[in-house]
N, C-alpha and C. Protein backbone atom coordinates (compact mmCIF):
# COMPACT_ATOMS: atom_id res chain seq x y z
N MET A 1 87.34 85.96 106.49
CA MET A 1 88.48 86.20 107.33
C MET A 1 88.72 87.70 107.40
N THR A 2 89.04 88.19 108.54
CA THR A 2 89.33 89.60 108.75
C THR A 2 90.80 89.75 109.10
N ILE A 3 91.45 90.71 108.46
CA ILE A 3 92.86 90.98 108.72
C ILE A 3 92.97 92.40 109.25
N GLN A 4 93.72 92.56 110.29
CA GLN A 4 93.93 93.90 110.85
C GLN A 4 95.11 94.56 110.17
N ILE A 5 94.90 95.82 109.77
CA ILE A 5 95.96 96.60 109.13
C ILE A 5 96.09 97.90 109.90
N ASN A 6 97.28 98.21 110.33
CA ASN A 6 97.53 99.46 111.05
C ASN A 6 98.05 100.50 110.07
N VAL A 7 97.40 101.65 110.04
CA VAL A 7 97.82 102.73 109.15
C VAL A 7 97.86 104.04 109.92
N LYS A 8 98.70 104.93 109.47
CA LYS A 8 98.74 106.28 110.03
C LYS A 8 97.99 107.18 109.07
N LEU A 9 97.05 107.94 109.62
CA LEU A 9 96.21 108.80 108.79
C LEU A 9 96.33 110.24 109.25
N ASP A 10 96.14 111.13 108.30
CA ASP A 10 96.12 112.56 108.58
C ASP A 10 94.98 112.87 109.55
N ASP A 11 95.25 113.71 110.53
CA ASP A 11 94.26 114.06 111.55
C ASP A 11 92.98 114.60 110.93
N HIS A 12 93.12 115.38 109.87
CA HIS A 12 91.95 115.96 109.20
C HIS A 12 91.05 114.85 108.64
N LEU A 13 91.65 113.84 108.03
CA LEU A 13 90.88 112.73 107.47
C LEU A 13 90.12 111.98 108.56
N VAL A 14 90.78 111.74 109.67
CA VAL A 14 90.14 111.03 110.79
C VAL A 14 88.96 111.84 111.32
N LYS A 15 89.12 113.14 111.44
CA LYS A 15 88.03 114.00 111.92
C LYS A 15 86.85 113.97 110.96
N GLU A 16 87.13 113.95 109.66
CA GLU A 16 86.06 113.88 108.67
C GLU A 16 85.31 112.55 108.78
N VAL A 17 86.04 111.48 108.98
CA VAL A 17 85.41 110.17 109.13
C VAL A 17 84.58 110.13 110.41
N GLU A 18 85.11 110.67 111.47
CA GLU A 18 84.36 110.73 112.73
C GLU A 18 83.08 111.54 112.57
N ALA A 19 83.13 112.59 111.77
CA ALA A 19 81.93 113.39 111.50
C ALA A 19 80.90 112.57 110.73
N LEU A 20 81.36 111.73 109.82
CA LEU A 20 80.43 110.86 109.09
C LEU A 20 79.70 109.93 110.05
N VAL A 21 80.44 109.42 111.02
CA VAL A 21 79.83 108.54 112.02
C VAL A 21 78.84 109.33 112.88
N GLU A 22 79.27 110.48 113.36
CA GLU A 22 78.42 111.31 114.23
C GLU A 22 77.14 111.74 113.53
N ASN A 23 77.22 111.99 112.23
CA ASN A 23 76.05 112.44 111.47
C ASN A 23 75.20 111.28 110.95
N GLY A 24 75.60 110.07 111.28
CA GLY A 24 74.79 108.91 110.92
C GLY A 24 74.95 108.41 109.50
N HIS A 25 75.94 108.89 108.78
CA HIS A 25 76.15 108.42 107.40
C HIS A 25 76.68 106.99 107.38
N VAL A 26 77.45 106.64 108.39
CA VAL A 26 77.94 105.28 108.59
C VAL A 26 77.85 104.98 110.08
N ARG A 27 77.84 103.69 110.41
CA ARG A 27 77.71 103.33 111.82
C ARG A 27 79.04 103.39 112.56
N THR A 28 80.13 103.06 111.85
CA THR A 28 81.44 103.02 112.50
C THR A 28 82.51 103.57 111.56
N LYS A 29 83.67 103.89 112.13
CA LYS A 29 84.80 104.32 111.30
C LYS A 29 85.21 103.18 110.38
N LYS A 30 85.15 101.96 110.89
CA LYS A 30 85.51 100.79 110.07
C LYS A 30 84.62 100.73 108.83
N GLU A 31 83.31 100.93 109.03
CA GLU A 31 82.39 100.91 107.89
C GLU A 31 82.74 102.02 106.90
N ALA A 32 83.09 103.19 107.41
CA ALA A 32 83.44 104.31 106.53
C ALA A 32 84.66 103.96 105.67
N PHE A 33 85.67 103.40 106.29
CA PHE A 33 86.88 103.06 105.53
C PHE A 33 86.61 101.92 104.56
N GLU A 34 85.81 100.93 104.96
CA GLU A 34 85.50 99.83 104.05
C GLU A 34 84.72 100.32 102.85
N ARG A 35 83.73 101.19 103.09
CA ARG A 35 82.95 101.71 101.97
C ARG A 35 83.81 102.58 101.07
N GLY A 36 84.68 103.39 101.68
CA GLY A 36 85.57 104.25 100.88
C GLY A 36 86.52 103.43 100.03
N LEU A 37 87.10 102.40 100.62
CA LEU A 37 88.01 101.55 99.85
C LEU A 37 87.26 100.79 98.76
N GLY A 38 86.04 100.37 99.07
CA GLY A 38 85.22 99.71 98.05
C GLY A 38 84.96 100.61 96.86
N LEU A 39 84.65 101.88 97.14
CA LEU A 39 84.43 102.84 96.04
C LEU A 39 85.70 103.04 95.22
N LEU A 40 86.84 103.14 95.90
CA LEU A 40 88.11 103.31 95.19
C LEU A 40 88.40 102.11 94.31
N ILE A 41 88.20 100.91 94.84
CA ILE A 41 88.45 99.70 94.06
C ILE A 41 87.54 99.64 92.84
N ARG A 42 86.25 99.93 93.02
CA ARG A 42 85.33 99.91 91.88
C ARG A 42 85.70 100.96 90.84
N ALA A 43 86.11 102.14 91.29
CA ALA A 43 86.51 103.19 90.34
C ALA A 43 87.74 102.77 89.55
N CYS A 44 88.69 102.15 90.21
CA CYS A 44 89.90 101.69 89.51
C CYS A 44 89.57 100.58 88.52
N ARG A 45 88.71 99.67 88.90
CA ARG A 45 88.30 98.59 87.98
C ARG A 45 87.56 99.17 86.78
N ALA A 46 86.68 100.14 87.03
CA ALA A 46 85.94 100.77 85.94
C ALA A 46 86.89 101.48 84.99
N SER A 47 87.91 102.11 85.53
CA SER A 47 88.90 102.80 84.71
C SER A 47 89.66 101.80 83.84
N GLU A 48 90.03 100.66 84.40
CA GLU A 48 90.72 99.63 83.63
C GLU A 48 89.84 99.09 82.52
N ILE A 49 88.57 98.88 82.80
CA ILE A 49 87.63 98.40 81.78
C ILE A 49 87.49 99.44 80.68
N GLU A 50 87.40 100.70 81.07
CA GLU A 50 87.30 101.79 80.08
C GLU A 50 88.52 101.82 79.17
N LYS A 51 89.70 101.61 79.74
CA LYS A 51 90.93 101.58 78.94
C LYS A 51 90.90 100.41 77.96
N ARG A 52 90.45 99.24 78.43
CA ARG A 52 90.37 98.07 77.55
C ARG A 52 89.40 98.30 76.40
N ILE A 53 88.26 98.89 76.72
CA ILE A 53 87.26 99.18 75.69
C ILE A 53 87.84 100.14 74.66
N GLU A 54 88.56 101.16 75.13
CA GLU A 54 89.15 102.13 74.20
C GLU A 54 90.18 101.46 73.29
N ILE A 55 90.97 100.55 73.81
CA ILE A 55 91.95 99.82 73.00
C ILE A 55 91.23 99.00 71.94
N ILE A 56 90.15 98.33 72.33
CA ILE A 56 89.38 97.53 71.38
C ILE A 56 88.73 98.42 70.33
N ARG A 57 88.24 99.58 70.77
CA ARG A 57 87.53 100.49 69.88
C ARG A 57 88.45 101.17 68.86
N GLN A 58 89.72 101.34 69.21
CA GLN A 58 90.65 102.02 68.31
C GLN A 58 90.69 101.30 66.96
N GLY A 59 90.60 102.06 65.93
CA GLY A 59 90.63 101.51 64.59
C GLY A 59 89.27 101.13 64.06
N THR A 60 88.24 101.27 64.87
CA THR A 60 86.90 100.92 64.40
C THR A 60 86.03 102.15 64.20
N GLU A 61 86.63 103.34 64.29
CA GLU A 61 85.85 104.57 64.19
C GLU A 61 85.09 104.68 62.88
N ASN A 62 85.65 104.16 61.80
CA ASN A 62 85.02 104.28 60.49
C ASN A 62 84.05 103.15 60.18
N MET A 63 83.95 102.19 61.08
CA MET A 63 83.03 101.08 60.87
C MET A 63 81.63 101.52 61.30
N PRO A 64 80.60 100.96 60.67
CA PRO A 64 79.24 101.34 61.05
C PRO A 64 78.91 100.83 62.46
N SER A 65 78.02 101.54 63.11
CA SER A 65 77.58 101.09 64.42
C SER A 65 76.74 99.83 64.24
N LEU A 66 76.55 99.10 65.31
CA LEU A 66 75.75 97.88 65.25
C LEU A 66 74.33 98.21 64.81
N THR A 67 73.78 99.28 65.33
CA THR A 67 72.43 99.68 64.95
C THR A 67 72.36 99.99 63.46
N GLN A 68 73.36 100.73 62.99
CA GLN A 68 73.40 101.08 61.57
C GLN A 68 73.51 99.83 60.71
N ALA A 69 74.32 98.87 61.10
CA ALA A 69 74.49 97.64 60.34
C ALA A 69 73.19 96.84 60.29
N VAL A 70 72.45 96.79 61.39
CA VAL A 70 71.17 96.07 61.41
C VAL A 70 70.17 96.75 60.51
N VAL A 71 70.08 98.08 60.60
CA VAL A 71 69.13 98.82 59.75
C VAL A 71 69.46 98.60 58.29
N GLU A 72 70.72 98.66 57.92
CA GLU A 72 71.12 98.46 56.52
C GLU A 72 70.83 97.03 56.07
N SER A 73 71.00 96.07 56.95
CA SER A 73 70.72 94.69 56.54
C SER A 73 69.23 94.49 56.27
N HIS A 74 68.38 95.18 57.04
CA HIS A 74 66.94 95.08 56.81
C HIS A 74 66.53 95.81 55.54
N GLU A 75 67.25 96.86 55.19
CA GLU A 75 66.94 97.61 53.98
C GLU A 75 67.27 96.78 52.75
N GLU A 76 68.24 95.88 52.87
CA GLU A 76 68.66 95.06 51.73
C GLU A 76 67.72 93.89 51.48
N GLU A 77 66.87 93.55 52.44
CA GLU A 77 65.95 92.42 52.27
C GLU A 77 64.88 92.77 51.25
N PRO A 78 64.44 91.79 50.46
CA PRO A 78 63.43 92.06 49.43
C PRO A 78 62.08 92.39 49.97
């Protein structure tokens, strides 16, 4: 399903997008905005994941890394 959204944009931004179309980077202004919004959404999601990982990681700084734990477990074997 496609939904139409009307937005007011700065003239400079529109000219930059039109230049992207003229230079063949994208086929249409619509494609430029969709790709740009897609990049923004992925960046925001990546940032949220990074924050979650940091919360999980907090308090584990003094714990051995997984690699270190595996190496030490093999060293303990007879």
